[in-house]
Amino acid sequence: MPNDFLSLDRLREQAREWEAEFSLWVAELGRYVKRAEARDRLGAYLRGLLGDIGRRNSWQLAEHQGDAHSWGSQHLIHRARWDEGRCTRRRASAGLPR
């Protein structure tokens, strides 16, 4: 009997489940970002952080996303406006550590 956990179909199903959960997480975080441009960049930025990249700085993340420059990543990190209070309250209500 084949091991269902290691089957290609099971791996594909797990990937779809992970993608769905990731999309929900990005959508929730996006509610705390003020501008649409920053919300659009957020998912790609998080994928870069979770991806297989040797160094995780704005240049490597931009290259991973296919961007010619790191301006968008730098903006998201340093200048994008977030509703920090709501984000902090949501983190606390979920029981996540600081």
N, C-alpha and C. Protein backbone atom coordinates (compact mmCIF):
# COMPACT_ATOMS: atom_id res chain seq x y z
N MET A 1 0.85 -1.17 0.00
CA MET A 1 0.00 0.00 0.00
C MET A 1 0.90 1.25 0.00
N PRO A 2 0.69 2.17 -0.95
CA PRO A 2 1.56 3.35 -1.02
C PRO A 2 1.33 4.29 0.16
N ASN A 3 2.38 4.99 0.50
CA ASN A 3 2.30 5.97 1.59
C ASN A 3 1.57 7.20 1.06
N ASP A 4 0.35 7.45 1.53
CA ASP A 4 -0.48 8.57 1.06
C ASP A 4 0.17 9.91 1.35
N PHE A 5 0.91 10.01 2.45
CA PHE A 5 1.53 11.28 2.82
C PHE A 5 2.56 11.72 1.77
N LEU A 6 3.21 10.78 1.13
CA LEU A 6 4.26 11.11 0.18
C LEU A 6 3.80 11.04 -1.28
N SER A 7 2.55 10.75 -1.52
CA SER A 7 2.09 10.64 -2.89
C SER A 7 2.05 12.01 -3.56
N LEU A 8 2.20 12.03 -4.86
CA LEU A 8 2.18 13.27 -5.62
C LEU A 8 0.84 13.98 -5.46
N ASP A 9 -0.24 13.22 -5.49
CA ASP A 9 -1.57 13.84 -5.31
C ASP A 9 -1.69 14.49 -3.93
N ARG A 10 -1.18 13.84 -2.91
CA ARG A 10 -1.25 14.39 -1.56
C ARG A 10 -0.38 15.65 -1.44
N LEU A 11 0.78 15.63 -2.06
CA LEU A 11 1.64 16.82 -2.04
C LEU A 11 0.97 17.98 -2.76
N ARG A 12 0.32 17.71 -3.87
CA ARG A 12 -0.40 18.77 -4.59
C ARG A 12 -1.54 19.32 -3.74
N GLU A 13 -2.24 18.43 -3.06
CA GLU A 13 -3.35 18.87 -2.20
C GLU A 13 -2.82 19.73 -1.06
N GLN A 14 -1.71 19.34 -0.46
CA GLN A 14 -1.11 20.13 0.61
C GLN A 14 -0.67 21.50 0.09
N ALA A 15 -0.12 21.54 -1.12
CA ALA A 15 0.30 22.82 -1.71
C ALA A 15 -0.91 23.73 -1.93
N ARG A 16 -2.01 23.18 -2.41
CA ARG A 16 -3.23 23.99 -2.59
C ARG A 16 -3.75 24.50 -1.25
N GLU A 17 -3.72 23.65 -0.23
CA GLU A 17 -4.18 24.06 1.09
C GLU A 17 -3.28 25.17 1.65
N TRP A 18 -1.98 25.01 1.49
CA TRP A 18 -1.04 26.03 1.96
C TRP A 18 -1.27 27.34 1.23
N GLU A 19 -1.46 27.27 -0.08
CA GLU A 19 -1.68 28.48 -0.88
C GLU A 19 -2.96 29.19 -0.44
N ALA A 20 -4.00 28.44 -0.16
CA ALA A 20 -5.26 29.04 0.29
C ALA A 20 -5.08 29.72 1.64
N GLU A 21 -4.41 29.07 2.58
CA GLU A 21 -4.16 29.66 3.90
C GLU A 21 -3.26 30.89 3.78
N PHE A 22 -2.24 30.80 2.95
CA PHE A 22 -1.34 31.94 2.75
C PHE A 22 -2.10 33.13 2.18
N SER A 23 -2.96 32.89 1.21
CA SER A 23 -3.75 33.96 0.60
C SER A 23 -4.66 34.63 1.63
N LEU A 24 -5.26 33.84 2.52
CA LEU A 24 -6.09 34.40 3.58
C LEU A 24 -5.27 35.26 4.53
N TRP A 25 -4.08 34.79 4.86
CA TRP A 25 -3.19 35.52 5.76
C TRP A 25 -2.77 36.85 5.14
N VAL A 26 -2.39 36.82 3.86
CA VAL A 26 -1.99 38.05 3.16
C VAL A 26 -3.17 39.02 3.09
N ALA A 27 -4.36 38.50 2.81
CA ALA A 27 -5.55 39.35 2.74
C ALA A 27 -5.82 40.00 4.10
N GLU A 28 -5.66 39.24 5.18
CA GLU A 28 -5.88 39.81 6.51
C GLU A 28 -4.84 40.88 6.81
N LEU A 29 -3.58 40.60 6.55
CA LEU A 29 -2.54 41.62 6.77
C LEU A 29 -2.78 42.84 5.90
N GLY A 30 -3.25 42.63 4.70
CA GLY A 30 -3.50 43.74 3.79
C GLY A 30 -4.53 44.73 4.30
N ARG A 31 -5.40 44.28 5.18
CA ARG A 31 -6.40 45.20 5.76
C ARG A 31 -5.77 46.27 6.62
N TYR A 32 -4.54 46.03 7.08
CA TYR A 32 -3.87 46.99 7.95
C TYR A 32 -2.96 47.95 7.18
N VAL A 33 -2.84 47.77 5.88
CA VAL A 33 -2.00 48.62 5.04
C VAL A 33 -2.89 49.69 4.41
N LYS A 34 -2.44 50.92 4.43
CA LYS A 34 -3.28 52.03 3.99
C LYS A 34 -3.49 52.09 2.48
N ARG A 35 -2.44 51.85 1.68
CA ARG A 35 -2.53 52.07 0.24
C ARG A 35 -2.55 50.75 -0.54
N ALA A 36 -3.27 50.77 -1.64
CA ALA A 36 -3.41 49.57 -2.47
C ALA A 36 -2.07 49.09 -3.02
N GLU A 37 -1.19 50.01 -3.39
CA GLU A 37 0.11 49.61 -3.95
C GLU A 37 0.91 48.78 -2.94
N ALA A 38 0.90 49.20 -1.69
CA ALA A 38 1.61 48.46 -0.66
C ALA A 38 0.94 47.11 -0.40
N ARG A 39 -0.39 47.08 -0.42
CA ARG A 39 -1.10 45.81 -0.25
C ARG A 39 -0.74 44.84 -1.36
N ASP A 40 -0.65 45.34 -2.59
CA ASP A 40 -0.31 44.48 -3.72
C ASP A 40 1.10 43.89 -3.56
N ARG A 41 2.01 44.66 -3.02
CA ARG A 41 3.39 44.22 -2.87
C ARG A 41 3.56 43.28 -1.68
N LEU A 42 2.68 43.36 -0.73
CA LEU A 42 2.81 42.60 0.51
C LEU A 42 2.94 41.10 0.29
N GLY A 43 2.07 40.53 -0.53
CA GLY A 43 2.12 39.09 -0.77
C GLY A 43 3.42 38.65 -1.39
N ALA A 44 3.90 39.39 -2.38
CA ALA A 44 5.17 39.06 -3.03
C ALA A 44 6.33 39.17 -2.04
N TYR A 45 6.27 40.19 -1.21
CA TYR A 45 7.32 40.39 -0.20
C TYR A 45 7.36 39.20 0.77
N LEU A 46 6.20 38.79 1.25
CA LEU A 46 6.15 37.66 2.19
C LEU A 46 6.58 36.36 1.52
N ARG A 47 6.21 36.18 0.26
CA ARG A 47 6.68 34.99 -0.47
C ARG A 47 8.20 34.98 -0.55
N GLY A 48 8.77 36.15 -0.77
CA GLY A 48 10.23 36.25 -0.80
C GLY A 48 10.85 35.89 0.54
N LEU A 49 10.26 36.37 1.62
CA LEU A 49 10.79 36.04 2.94
C LEU A 49 10.71 34.55 3.22
N LEU A 50 9.67 33.91 2.74
CA LEU A 50 9.49 32.47 2.96
C LEU A 50 10.18 31.62 1.91
N GLY A 51 10.64 32.24 0.84
CA GLY A 51 11.21 31.52 -0.29
C GLY A 51 12.63 31.05 -0.07
N ASP A 52 13.13 30.39 -1.08
CA ASP A 52 14.47 29.82 -1.05
C ASP A 52 15.46 30.86 -1.60
N ILE A 53 15.77 31.85 -0.77
CA ILE A 53 16.68 32.92 -1.14
C ILE A 53 17.82 32.90 -0.13
N GLY A 54 19.04 33.03 -0.62
CA GLY A 54 20.19 32.98 0.27
C GLY A 54 20.19 34.10 1.29
N ARG A 55 20.08 35.34 0.83
CA ARG A 55 20.04 36.51 1.71
C ARG A 55 18.70 37.18 1.52
N ARG A 56 18.16 37.70 2.58
CA ARG A 56 16.84 38.33 2.50
C ARG A 56 16.96 39.83 2.76
N ASN A 57 17.45 40.53 1.75
CA ASN A 57 17.45 41.99 1.82
C ASN A 57 16.59 42.49 0.67
N SER A 58 16.38 43.79 0.59
CA SER A 58 15.43 44.31 -0.39
C SER A 58 15.85 44.02 -1.83
N TRP A 59 17.15 43.99 -2.10
CA TRP A 59 17.59 43.69 -3.47
C TRP A 59 17.30 42.25 -3.84
N GLN A 60 17.63 41.31 -2.96
CA GLN A 60 17.37 39.90 -3.27
C GLN A 60 15.87 39.62 -3.35
N LEU A 61 15.09 40.25 -2.49
CA LEU A 61 13.64 40.06 -2.55
C LEU A 61 13.08 40.63 -3.85
N ALA A 62 13.58 41.79 -4.27
CA ALA A 62 13.12 42.38 -5.54
C ALA A 62 13.46 41.47 -6.71
N GLU A 63 14.68 40.94 -6.74
CA GLU A 63 15.07 40.03 -7.81
C GLU A 63 14.20 38.78 -7.81
N HIS A 64 13.92 38.26 -6.62
CA HIS A 64 13.07 37.07 -6.50
C HIS A 64 11.67 37.34 -7.06
N GLN A 65 11.20 38.58 -6.91
CA GLN A 65 9.87 38.97 -7.39
C GLN A 65 9.89 39.36 -8.86
N GLY A 66 11.08 39.44 -9.45
CA GLY A 66 11.18 39.83 -10.86
C GLY A 66 11.22 41.32 -11.08
N ASP A 67 11.47 42.09 -10.03
CA ASP A 67 11.55 43.54 -10.14
C ASP A 67 12.97 43.96 -10.52
N ALA A 68 13.08 45.02 -11.31
CA ALA A 68 14.38 45.53 -11.72
C ALA A 68 15.05 46.34 -10.61
N HIS A 69 14.26 46.87 -9.68
CA HIS A 69 14.78 47.70 -8.60
C HIS A 69 14.17 47.25 -7.28
N SER A 70 14.79 47.69 -6.20
CA SER A 70 14.28 47.32 -4.88
C SER A 70 13.38 48.39 -4.28
N TRP A 71 13.01 49.39 -5.04
CA TRP A 71 12.23 50.51 -4.52
C TRP A 71 10.93 50.07 -3.86
N GLY A 72 10.22 49.16 -4.49
CA GLY A 72 8.93 48.73 -3.94
C GLY A 72 9.08 48.05 -2.60
N SER A 73 10.08 47.16 -2.49
CA SER A 73 10.33 46.49 -1.21
C SER A 73 10.75 47.48 -0.15
N GLN A 74 11.62 48.41 -0.53
CA GLN A 74 12.08 49.41 0.42
C GLN A 74 10.92 50.29 0.89
N HIS A 75 10.03 50.64 -0.01
CA HIS A 75 8.87 51.44 0.37
C HIS A 75 8.00 50.67 1.37
N LEU A 76 7.74 49.40 1.08
CA LEU A 76 6.90 48.60 1.97
C LEU A 76 7.52 48.52 3.37
N ILE A 77 8.83 48.36 3.43
CA ILE A 77 9.50 48.21 4.72
C ILE A 77 9.59 49.53 5.48
N HIS A 78 9.95 50.62 4.77
CA HIS A 78 10.30 51.85 5.46
C HIS A 78 9.25 52.96 5.42
N ARG A 79 8.44 53.01 4.38
CA ARG A 79 7.58 54.18 4.23
C ARG A 79 6.08 53.88 4.15
N ALA A 80 5.72 52.65 3.88
CA ALA A 80 4.29 52.33 3.76
C ALA A 80 3.60 52.57 5.09
N ARG A 81 2.38 53.04 5.01
CA ARG A 81 1.62 53.34 6.23
C ARG A 81 0.77 52.13 6.61
N TRP A 82 0.90 51.71 7.85
CA TRP A 82 0.18 50.59 8.42
C TRP A 82 -0.66 51.08 9.58
N ASP A 83 -1.76 50.42 9.82
CA ASP A 83 -2.53 50.68 11.03
C ASP A 83 -1.95 49.79 12.12
N GLU A 84 -0.93 50.31 12.78
CA GLU A 84 -0.18 49.51 13.75
C GLU A 84 -1.04 49.10 14.94
N GLY A 85 -1.93 49.98 15.37
CA GLY A 85 -2.78 49.65 16.51
C GLY A 85 -3.67 48.44 16.24
N ARG A 86 -4.34 48.44 15.09
CA ARG A 86 -5.20 47.30 14.73
C ARG A 86 -4.38 46.03 14.55
N CYS A 87 -3.22 46.17 13.94
CA CYS A 87 -2.36 45.01 13.71
C CYS A 87 -1.91 44.42 15.05
N THR A 88 -1.52 45.28 15.98
CA THR A 88 -1.10 44.83 17.30
C THR A 88 -2.25 44.16 18.05
N ARG A 89 -3.43 44.76 18.00
CA ARG A 89 -4.59 44.16 18.67
C ARG A 89 -4.94 42.81 18.07
N ARG A 90 -4.84 42.69 16.75
CA ARG A 90 -5.14 41.41 16.08
C ARG A 90 -4.14 40.35 16.50
N ARG A 91 -2.86 40.72 16.56
CA ARG A 91 -1.83 39.79 16.98
C ARG A 91 -2.11 39.31 18.41
N ALA A 92 -2.46 40.24 19.28
CA ALA A 92 -2.73 39.88 20.68
C ALA A 92 -3.97 38.98 20.79
N SER A 93 -5.01 39.27 20.01
CA SER A 93 -6.23 38.46 20.08
C SER A 93 -5.99 37.05 19.53
N ALA A 94 -5.01 36.90 18.65
CA ALA A 94 -4.68 35.58 18.12
C ALA A 94 -3.73 34.82 19.05
N GLY A 95 -3.26 35.50 20.09
CA GLY A 95 -2.35 34.85 21.03
C GLY A 95 -0.94 34.69 20.51
N LEU A 96 -0.55 35.52 19.53
CA LEU A 96 0.79 35.44 18.95
C LEU A 96 1.76 36.24 19.79
N PRO A 97 3.00 35.76 19.93
CA PRO A 97 3.98 36.49 20.72
C PRO A 97 4.41 37.78 20.03
N ARG A 98 4.94 38.72 20.78
CA ARG A 98 5.44 39.98 20.23
C ARG A 98 6.65 39.77 19.38
